[in-house]
Amino acid sequence: ADLVALLEDLAAAALATSRPAEAVRRADRGLALAEAGTEAAARLQFLLAQALWDAPPADGRDRVRAREVAASARDAHRAATGQPGQPSQAGQASKVAQELAAIDAWLAKHPVGA
């Protein structure tokens, strides 16, 4: 789990500093290690989606896959909040709601064919 969190942080940092190809690699690696259906996996999927969209064509840009991965992240967030054993505090629910809103906004701003 610590490695997954580290890879998530590295992917986010790479994306924030305009290095989407590196973010793709970090997020892909994190997803390979993350437990499916968790909030960590959902966050990594959204990072991957953004990186795939922003990557140069020669470095793995795949906008169709980016939208598919973002939709999967949205679905994973929704599923994770309903799983037994997941945090249900108001703060966690608020954070998930913000993450879902960010994904929905991103999907609205990044249509296929753009």
C-alpha atoms as a PDB file:
ATOM      1  CA  ALA A   1       0.000   0.000   0.000  1.00  0.00           C
ATOM      2  CA  ASP A   2       2.855   2.406   0.740  1.00  0.00           C
ATOM      3  CA  LEU A   3       4.321   1.827  -2.721  1.00  0.00           C
ATOM      4  CA  VAL A   4       0.912   2.441  -4.291  1.00  0.00           C
ATOM      5  CA  ALA A   5       0.611   5.753  -2.425  1.00  0.00           C
ATOM      6  CA  LEU A   6       4.136   6.725  -3.469  1.00  0.00           C
ATOM      7  CA  LEU A   7       3.399   5.944  -7.118  1.00  0.00           C
ATOM      8  CA  GLU A   8       0.180   7.941  -6.889  1.00  0.00           C
ATOM      9  CA  ASP A   9       2.118  10.923  -5.520  1.00  0.00           C
ATOM     10  CA  LEU A  10       4.800  10.573  -8.214  1.00  0.00           C
ATOM     11  CA  ALA A  11       2.171  10.346 -10.967  1.00  0.00           C
ATOM     12  CA  ALA A  12       0.407  13.431  -9.622  1.00  0.00           C
ATOM     13  CA  ALA A  13       3.688  15.349  -9.411  1.00  0.00           C
ATOM     14  CA  ALA A  14       4.657  14.349 -12.945  1.00  0.00           C
ATOM     15  CA  LEU A  15       1.277  15.450 -14.247  1.00  0.00           C
ATOM     16  CA  ALA A  16       1.448  18.743 -12.340  1.00  0.00           C
ATOM     17  CA  THR A  17       4.865  19.494 -13.830  1.00  0.00           C
ATOM     18  CA  SER A  18       3.859  18.788 -17.432  1.00  0.00           C
ATOM     19  CA  ARG A  19       5.436  15.336 -17.661  1.00  0.00           C
ATOM     20  CA  PRO A  20       2.433  13.272 -18.751  1.00  0.00           C
ATOM     21  CA  ALA A  21       4.436  10.382 -20.227  1.00  0.00           C
ATOM     22  CA  GLU A  22       6.087   9.832 -16.843  1.00  0.00           C
ATOM     23  CA  ALA A  23       2.694  10.152 -15.147  1.00  0.00           C
ATOM     24  CA  VAL A  24       1.342   7.394 -17.415  1.00  0.00           C
ATOM     25  CA  ARG A  25       4.171   5.070 -16.378  1.00  0.00           C
ATOM     26  CA  ARG A  26       3.768   5.833 -12.655  1.00  0.00           C
ATOM     27  CA  ALA A  27      -0.019   5.527 -12.685  1.00  0.00           C
ATOM     28  CA  ASP A  28       0.076   2.287 -14.709  1.00  0.00           C
ATOM     29  CA  ARG A  29       2.556   0.786 -12.235  1.00  0.00           C
ATOM     30  CA  GLY A  30       0.473   1.917  -9.286  1.00  0.00           C
ATOM     31  CA  LEU A  31      -2.662   0.402 -10.811  1.00  0.00           C
ATOM     32  CA  ALA A  32      -0.866  -2.897 -11.299  1.00  0.00           C
ATOM     33  CA  LEU A  33      -0.173  -2.958  -7.542  1.00  0.00           C
ATOM     34  CA  ALA A  34      -3.361  -1.392  -6.199  1.00  0.00           C
ATOM     35  CA  GLU A  35      -6.231  -3.488  -4.981  1.00  0.00           C
ATOM     36  CA  ALA A  36      -9.034  -3.277  -7.550  1.00  0.00           C
ATOM     37  CA  GLY A  37     -12.073  -1.323  -6.489  1.00  0.00           C
ATOM     38  CA  THR A  38     -10.308   0.818  -3.901  1.00  0.00           C
ATOM     39  CA  GLU A  39     -10.201   4.582  -3.661  1.00  0.00           C
ATOM     40  CA  ALA A  40      -6.455   4.425  -4.401  1.00  0.00           C
ATOM     41  CA  ALA A  41      -7.151   2.553  -7.634  1.00  0.00           C
ATOM     42  CA  ALA A  42      -9.824   5.081  -8.587  1.00  0.00           C
ATOM     43  CA  ARG A  43      -7.465   8.009  -7.969  1.00  0.00           C
ATOM     44  CA  LEU A  44      -4.735   6.319 -10.007  1.00  0.00           C
ATOM     45  CA  GLN A  45      -7.171   5.701 -12.839  1.00  0.00           C
ATOM     46  CA  PHE A  46      -8.098   9.375 -12.946  1.00  0.00           C
ATOM     47  CA  LEU A  47      -4.447  10.403 -12.927  1.00  0.00           C
ATOM     48  CA  LEU A  48      -3.821   7.927 -15.748  1.00  0.00           C
ATOM     49  CA  ALA A  49      -6.743   9.323 -17.731  1.00  0.00           C
ATOM     50  CA  GLN A  50      -5.433  12.874 -17.469  1.00  0.00           C
ATOM     51  CA  ALA A  51      -1.917  11.791 -18.390  1.00  0.00           C
ATOM     52  CA  LEU A  52      -3.084   9.769 -21.387  1.00  0.00           C
ATOM     53  CA  TRP A  53      -4.998  12.802 -22.630  1.00  0.00           C
ATOM     54  CA  ASP A  54      -2.072  15.188 -22.190  1.00  0.00           C
ATOM     55  CA  ALA A  55       0.743  12.930 -23.404  1.00  0.00           C
ATOM     56  CA  PRO A  56       2.364  13.774 -26.725  1.00  0.00           C
ATOM     57  CA  PRO A  57       1.343  11.424 -29.547  1.00  0.00           C
ATOM     58  CA  ALA A  58       4.822   9.874 -29.602  1.00  0.00           C
ATOM     59  CA  ASP A  59       4.655   9.195 -25.849  1.00  0.00           C
ATOM     60  CA  GLY A  60       1.395   7.300 -25.616  1.00  0.00           C
ATOM     61  CA  ARG A  61      -1.425   9.795 -26.091  1.00  0.00           C
ATOM     62  CA  ASP A  62      -4.650   7.833 -26.203  1.00  0.00           C
ATOM     63  CA  ARG A  63      -7.665  10.033 -25.737  1.00  0.00           C
ATOM     64  CA  VAL A  64     -10.232   7.282 -26.262  1.00  0.00           C
ATOM     65  CA  ARG A  65      -8.581   5.188 -23.553  1.00  0.00           C
ATOM     66  CA  ALA A  66      -8.292   8.311 -21.374  1.00  0.00           C
ATOM     67  CA  ARG A  67     -12.066   8.763 -21.376  1.00  0.00           C
ATOM     68  CA  GLU A  68     -12.626   5.056 -20.745  1.00  0.00           C
ATOM     69  CA  VAL A  69     -10.217   5.081 -17.794  1.00  0.00           C
ATOM     70  CA  ALA A  70     -11.810   8.253 -16.379  1.00  0.00           C
ATOM     71  CA  ALA A  71     -15.248   6.627 -16.577  1.00  0.00           C
ATOM     72  CA  SER A  72     -13.835   3.572 -14.817  1.00  0.00           C
ATOM     73  CA  ALA A  73     -12.394   5.832 -12.110  1.00  0.00           C
ATOM     74  CA  ARG A  74     -15.806   7.404 -11.605  1.00  0.00           C
ATOM     75  CA  ASP A  75     -17.416   3.962 -11.339  1.00  0.00           C
ATOM     76  CA  ALA A  76     -14.689   2.744  -8.967  1.00  0.00           C
ATOM     77  CA  HIS A  77     -15.192   5.756  -6.670  1.00  0.00           C
ATOM     78  CA  ARG A  78     -18.906   5.049  -6.535  1.00  0.00           C
ATOM     79  CA  ALA A  79     -18.349   1.335  -5.894  1.00  0.00           C
ATOM     80  CA  ALA A  80     -15.686   1.883  -3.231  1.00  0.00           C
ATOM     81  CA  THR A  81     -17.939   4.160  -1.206  1.00  0.00           C
ATOM     82  CA  GLY A  82     -20.517   1.399  -1.014  1.00  0.00           C
ATOM     83  CA  GLN A  83     -18.163  -1.403   0.053  1.00  0.00           C
ATOM     84  CA  PRO A  84     -18.169  -2.679   3.614  1.00  0.00           C
ATOM     85  CA  GLY A  85     -15.057  -1.640   5.482  1.00  0.00           C
ATOM     86  CA  GLN A  86     -14.629   1.579   3.539  1.00  0.00           C
ATOM     87  CA  PRO A  87     -14.495   4.785   5.586  1.00  0.00           C
ATOM     88  CA  SER A  88     -17.909   6.358   5.860  1.00  0.00           C
ATOM     89  CA  GLN A  89     -17.079   9.516   7.798  1.00  0.00           C
ATOM     90  CA  ALA A  90     -18.543  12.744   6.522  1.00  0.00           C
ATOM     91  CA  GLY A  91     -15.069  14.016   5.558  1.00  0.00           C
ATOM     92  CA  GLN A  92     -14.381  10.949   3.422  1.00  0.00           C
ATOM     93  CA  ALA A  93     -17.798  11.221   1.774  1.00  0.00           C
ATOM     94  CA  SER A  94     -17.143  14.878   1.014  1.00  0.00           C
ATOM     95  CA  LYS A  95     -13.733  14.067  -0.481  1.00  0.00           C
ATOM     96  CA  VAL A  96     -15.226  11.346  -2.682  1.00  0.00           C
ATOM     97  CA  ALA A  97     -17.961  13.737  -3.795  1.00  0.00           C
ATOM     98  CA  GLN A  98     -15.282  16.268  -4.769  1.00  0.00           C
ATOM     99  CA  GLU A  99     -13.326  13.617  -6.664  1.00  0.00           C
ATOM    100  CA  LEU A 100     -16.472  12.485  -8.496  1.00  0.00           C
ATOM    101  CA  ALA A 101     -17.288  16.089  -9.397  1.00  0.00           C
ATOM    102  CA  ALA A 102     -13.727  16.582 -10.704  1.00  0.00           C
ATOM    103  CA  ILE A 103     -13.993  13.471 -12.872  1.00  0.00           C
ATOM    104  CA  ASP A 104     -17.401  14.488 -14.232  1.00  0.00           C
ATOM    105  CA  ALA A 105     -16.095  17.982 -15.002  1.00  0.00           C
ATOM    106  CA  TRP A 106     -13.011  16.549 -16.703  1.00  0.00           C
ATOM    107  CA  LEU A 107     -15.114  14.210 -18.832  1.00  0.00           C
ATOM    108  CA  ALA A 108     -17.369  17.118 -19.853  1.00  0.00           C
ATOM    109  CA  LYS A 109     -14.345  19.192 -20.911  1.00  0.00           C
ATOM    110  CA  HIS A 110     -12.632  16.363 -22.790  1.00  0.00           C
ATOM    111  CA  PRO A 111     -15.002  14.987 -25.417  1.00  0.00           C
ATOM    112  CA  VAL A 112     -13.962  12.253 -27.812  1.00  0.00           C
ATOM    113  CA  GLY A 113     -12.624  13.810 -30.992  1.00  0.00           C
ATOM    114  CA  ALA A 114     -11.090  16.798 -29.206  1.00  0.00           C
END
